[in-house]
Amino acid sequence: MTFPLRSVLAVLAVAASTAAFAQMAPAKVADTSKGKALVDAKGMTLYTFDRDAPGKSNCNGTCATNWPPLMASADAKAAGDWMPVKRDDGSMMWAYKGKPLYTWAKDAKAGDVTGDGVNQVWHVATP
């Protein structure tokens, strides 16, 4: 193998791994009226819940109906600041820096932040 071919293969390997991580990222950053926030693939604002423990969701039942978790696949793997968290029902959800993430059922469109401050325990998730 010649040097130029090795260089091309190395560049392709880096590009493939970067693309794979970008596809795996469970959320992205967007500008909202509250500043930069984490949002899901549909652009819906993500929130954290003060009553959660690091790596543990305490929002189940009716709470999870109002605050749908950012779900993860059963085989999701931690990467960087992202980690999958097992819910009480056995399903998996995403957490950022140990904080489980949720959307808010009353946010009507991408960029809405109406869940921020609800009951003084829900907050926009920030990067």
C-alpha atoms as a PDB file:
ATOM      1  CA  MET A   1       0.000   0.000   0.000  1.00  0.00           C
ATOM      2  CA  THR A   2       1.384   3.354  -0.939  1.00  0.00           C
ATOM      3  CA  PHE A   3       1.425   6.345   1.363  1.00  0.00           C
ATOM      4  CA  PRO A   4      -1.269   8.308  -0.529  1.00  0.00           C
ATOM      5  CA  LEU A   5      -3.643   5.321  -0.398  1.00  0.00           C
ATOM      6  CA  ARG A   6      -3.080   4.924   3.359  1.00  0.00           C
ATOM      7  CA  SER A   7      -3.811   8.622   3.822  1.00  0.00           C
ATOM      8  CA  VAL A   8      -7.054   8.349   1.883  1.00  0.00           C
ATOM      9  CA  LEU A   9      -8.115   5.298   3.920  1.00  0.00           C
ATOM     10  CA  ALA A  10      -7.334   7.090   7.184  1.00  0.00           C
ATOM     11  CA  VAL A  11      -9.401  10.110   6.148  1.00  0.00           C
ATOM     12  CA  LEU A  12     -12.294   7.836   5.149  1.00  0.00           C
ATOM     13  CA  ALA A  13     -12.130   6.014   8.499  1.00  0.00           C
ATOM     14  CA  VAL A  14     -12.269   9.291  10.446  1.00  0.00           C
ATOM     15  CA  ALA A  15     -15.142  10.567   8.299  1.00  0.00           C
ATOM     16  CA  ALA A  16     -17.082   7.329   8.789  1.00  0.00           C
ATOM     17  CA  SER A  17     -16.639   7.372  12.561  1.00  0.00           C
ATOM     18  CA  THR A  18     -17.651  11.047  12.738  1.00  0.00           C
ATOM     19  CA  ALA A  19     -20.743  10.375  10.631  1.00  0.00           C
ATOM     20  CA  ALA A  20     -21.631   7.366  12.776  1.00  0.00           C
ATOM     21  CA  PHE A  21     -21.424   9.471  15.958  1.00  0.00           C
ATOM     22  CA  ALA A  22     -23.497  12.241  14.383  1.00  0.00           C
ATOM     23  CA  GLN A  23     -26.173   9.675  13.523  1.00  0.00           C
ATOM     24  CA  MET A  24     -26.043   8.300  17.082  1.00  0.00           C
ATOM     25  CA  ALA A  25     -26.315  11.663  18.821  1.00  0.00           C
ATOM     26  CA  PRO A  26     -29.722  11.579  20.505  1.00  0.00           C
ATOM     27  CA  ALA A  27     -30.151  15.370  20.498  1.00  0.00           C
ATOM     28  CA  LYS A  28     -28.771  18.562  19.038  1.00  0.00           C
ATOM     29  CA  VAL A  29     -28.394  22.168  20.160  1.00  0.00           C
ATOM     30  CA  ALA A  30     -30.816  24.862  19.003  1.00  0.00           C
ATOM     31  CA  ASP A  31     -31.503  28.504  19.813  1.00  0.00           C
ATOM     32  CA  THR A  32     -34.706  29.151  21.781  1.00  0.00           C
ATOM     33  CA  SER A  33     -36.192  32.165  23.536  1.00  0.00           C
ATOM     34  CA  LYS A  34     -34.416  30.848  26.674  1.00  0.00           C
ATOM     35  CA  GLY A  35     -31.055  30.626  24.904  1.00  0.00           C
ATOM     36  CA  LYS A  36     -29.265  27.529  23.670  1.00  0.00           C
ATOM     37  CA  ALA A  37     -31.098  24.306  24.478  1.00  0.00           C
ATOM     38  CA  LEU A  38     -30.920  20.617  23.730  1.00  0.00           C
ATOM     39  CA  VAL A  39     -33.667  19.528  21.327  1.00  0.00           C
ATOM     40  CA  ASP A  40     -34.757  16.172  19.938  1.00  0.00           C
ATOM     41  CA  ALA A  41     -34.699  15.166  16.262  1.00  0.00           C
ATOM     42  CA  LYS A  42     -37.994  17.031  15.692  1.00  0.00           C
ATOM     43  CA  GLY A  43     -36.619  20.210  17.267  1.00  0.00           C
ATOM     44  CA  MET A  44     -38.692  19.828  20.433  1.00  0.00           C
ATOM     45  CA  THR A  45     -37.067  21.273  23.534  1.00  0.00           C
ATOM     46  CA  LEU A  46     -35.655  18.831  26.065  1.00  0.00           C
ATOM     47  CA  TYR A  47     -35.998  19.278  29.817  1.00  0.00           C
ATOM     48  CA  THR A  48     -34.471  18.003  33.040  1.00  0.00           C
ATOM     49  CA  PHE A  49     -36.348  17.132  36.236  1.00  0.00           C
ATOM     50  CA  ASP A  50     -34.970  18.186  39.649  1.00  0.00           C
ATOM     51  CA  ARG A  51     -36.387  15.067  41.309  1.00  0.00           C
ATOM     52  CA  ASP A  52     -34.292  12.715  39.155  1.00  0.00           C
ATOM     53  CA  ALA A  53     -31.124  11.224  40.598  1.00  0.00           C
ATOM     54  CA  PRO A  54     -27.976  11.088  38.465  1.00  0.00           C
ATOM     55  CA  GLY A  55     -28.554   8.328  35.921  1.00  0.00           C
ATOM     56  CA  LYS A  56     -32.032   7.540  37.341  1.00  0.00           C
ATOM     57  CA  SER A  57     -35.423   8.739  36.120  1.00  0.00           C
ATOM     58  CA  ASN A  58     -38.079   9.394  38.747  1.00  0.00           C
ATOM     59  CA  CYS A  59     -40.707  10.434  36.186  1.00  0.00           C
ATOM     60  CA  ASN A  60     -43.019   7.481  35.548  1.00  0.00           C
ATOM     61  CA  GLY A  61     -46.729   6.866  34.948  1.00  0.00           C
ATOM     62  CA  THR A  62     -48.692  10.113  34.532  1.00  0.00           C
ATOM     63  CA  CYS A  63     -45.491  12.096  34.855  1.00  0.00           C
ATOM     64  CA  ALA A  64     -44.046  10.307  31.807  1.00  0.00           C
ATOM     65  CA  THR A  65     -47.277  10.926  29.886  1.00  0.00           C
ATOM     66  CA  ASN A  66     -46.908  14.679  30.467  1.00  0.00           C
ATOM     67  CA  TRP A  67     -43.121  14.594  30.157  1.00  0.00           C
ATOM     68  CA  PRO A  68     -42.303  11.933  27.521  1.00  0.00           C
ATOM     69  CA  PRO A  69     -38.766  10.581  27.980  1.00  0.00           C
ATOM     70  CA  LEU A  70     -36.216  10.902  25.192  1.00  0.00           C
ATOM     71  CA  MET A  71     -36.244   7.191  24.414  1.00  0.00           C
ATOM     72  CA  ALA A  72     -33.150   5.167  23.547  1.00  0.00           C
ATOM     73  CA  SER A  73     -32.891   1.776  21.915  1.00  0.00           C
ATOM     74  CA  ALA A  74     -32.316  -1.271  24.112  1.00  0.00           C
ATOM     75  CA  ASP A  75     -28.765  -1.559  22.772  1.00  0.00           C
ATOM     76  CA  ALA A  76     -27.862   2.141  23.104  1.00  0.00           C
ATOM     77  CA  LYS A  77     -24.306   2.788  24.286  1.00  0.00           C
ATOM     78  CA  ALA A  78     -22.837   5.687  26.223  1.00  0.00           C
ATOM     79  CA  ALA A  79     -20.774   8.158  24.195  1.00  0.00           C
ATOM     80  CA  GLY A  80     -19.183  11.316  25.575  1.00  0.00           C
ATOM     81  CA  ASP A  81     -21.703  13.146  27.780  1.00  0.00           C
ATOM     82  CA  TRP A  82     -24.553  10.883  26.632  1.00  0.00           C
ATOM     83  CA  MET A  83     -25.645   7.732  28.439  1.00  0.00           C
ATOM     84  CA  PRO A  84     -28.656   5.429  28.267  1.00  0.00           C
ATOM     85  CA  VAL A  85     -30.680   5.099  31.481  1.00  0.00           C
ATOM     86  CA  LYS A  86     -32.928   2.163  32.330  1.00  0.00           C
ATOM     87  CA  ARG A  87     -36.447   3.243  33.304  1.00  0.00           C
ATOM     88  CA  ASP A  88     -38.618   1.557  35.926  1.00  0.00           C
ATOM     89  CA  ASP A  89     -40.567  -0.219  33.155  1.00  0.00           C
ATOM     90  CA  GLY A  90     -37.324  -1.624  31.690  1.00  0.00           C
ATOM     91  CA  SER A  91     -37.264   0.663  28.655  1.00  0.00           C
ATOM     92  CA  MET A  92     -34.261   2.890  27.970  1.00  0.00           C
ATOM     93  CA  MET A  93     -34.005   6.669  27.746  1.00  0.00           C
ATOM     94  CA  TRP A  94     -31.189   9.155  27.173  1.00  0.00           C
ATOM     95  CA  ALA A  95     -29.442  11.229  29.803  1.00  0.00           C
ATOM     96  CA  TYR A  96     -27.019  14.114  29.221  1.00  0.00           C
ATOM     97  CA  LYS A  97     -24.275  14.479  31.821  1.00  0.00           C
ATOM     98  CA  GLY A  98     -26.239  12.041  33.989  1.00  0.00           C
ATOM     99  CA  LYS A  99     -29.530  13.973  33.771  1.00  0.00           C
ATOM    100  CA  PRO A 100     -32.431  12.116  32.107  1.00  0.00           C
ATOM    101  CA  LEU A 101     -34.093  14.109  29.308  1.00  0.00           C
ATOM    102  CA  TYR A 102     -37.767  14.665  28.515  1.00  0.00           C
ATOM    103  CA  THR A 103     -39.991  16.620  26.169  1.00  0.00           C
ATOM    104  CA  TRP A 104     -43.110  18.453  27.426  1.00  0.00           C
ATOM    105  CA  ALA A 105     -46.508  17.388  26.079  1.00  0.00           C
ATOM    106  CA  LYS A 106     -47.741  21.011  26.067  1.00  0.00           C
ATOM    107  CA  ASP A 107     -44.974  22.282  23.778  1.00  0.00           C
ATOM    108  CA  ALA A 108     -46.859  22.599  20.472  1.00  0.00           C
ATOM    109  CA  LYS A 109     -44.020  23.203  18.033  1.00  0.00           C
ATOM    110  CA  ALA A 110     -40.271  23.062  17.667  1.00  0.00           C
ATOM    111  CA  GLY A 111     -38.585  25.717  19.766  1.00  0.00           C
ATOM    112  CA  ASP A 112     -41.405  26.072  22.318  1.00  0.00           C
ATOM    113  CA  VAL A 113     -40.105  26.258  25.906  1.00  0.00           C
ATOM    114  CA  THR A 114     -43.377  26.323  27.858  1.00  0.00           C
ATOM    115  CA  GLY A 115     -42.163  23.580  30.210  1.00  0.00           C
ATOM    116  CA  ASP A 116     -39.350  25.662  31.660  1.00  0.00           C
ATOM    117  CA  GLY A 117     -40.046  26.341  35.331  1.00  0.00           C
ATOM    118  CA  VAL A 118     -43.146  24.128  35.638  1.00  0.00           C
ATOM    119  CA  ASN A 119     -43.644  23.472  39.372  1.00  0.00           C
ATOM    120  CA  GLN A 120     -40.147  24.943  39.852  1.00  0.00           C
ATOM    121  CA  VAL A 121     -38.688  21.463  39.092  1.00  0.00           C
ATOM    122  CA  TRP A 122     -38.554  21.334  35.275  1.00  0.00           C
ATOM    123  CA  HIS A 123     -35.824  23.173  33.346  1.00  0.00           C
ATOM    124  CA  VAL A 124     -34.677  23.559  29.772  1.00  0.00           C
ATOM    125  CA  ALA A 125     -31.757  21.197  29.193  1.00  0.00           C
ATOM    126  CA  THR A 126     -28.708  23.186  28.187  1.00  0.00           C
ATOM    127  CA  PRO A 127     -25.516  22.012  26.482  1.00  0.00           C
END
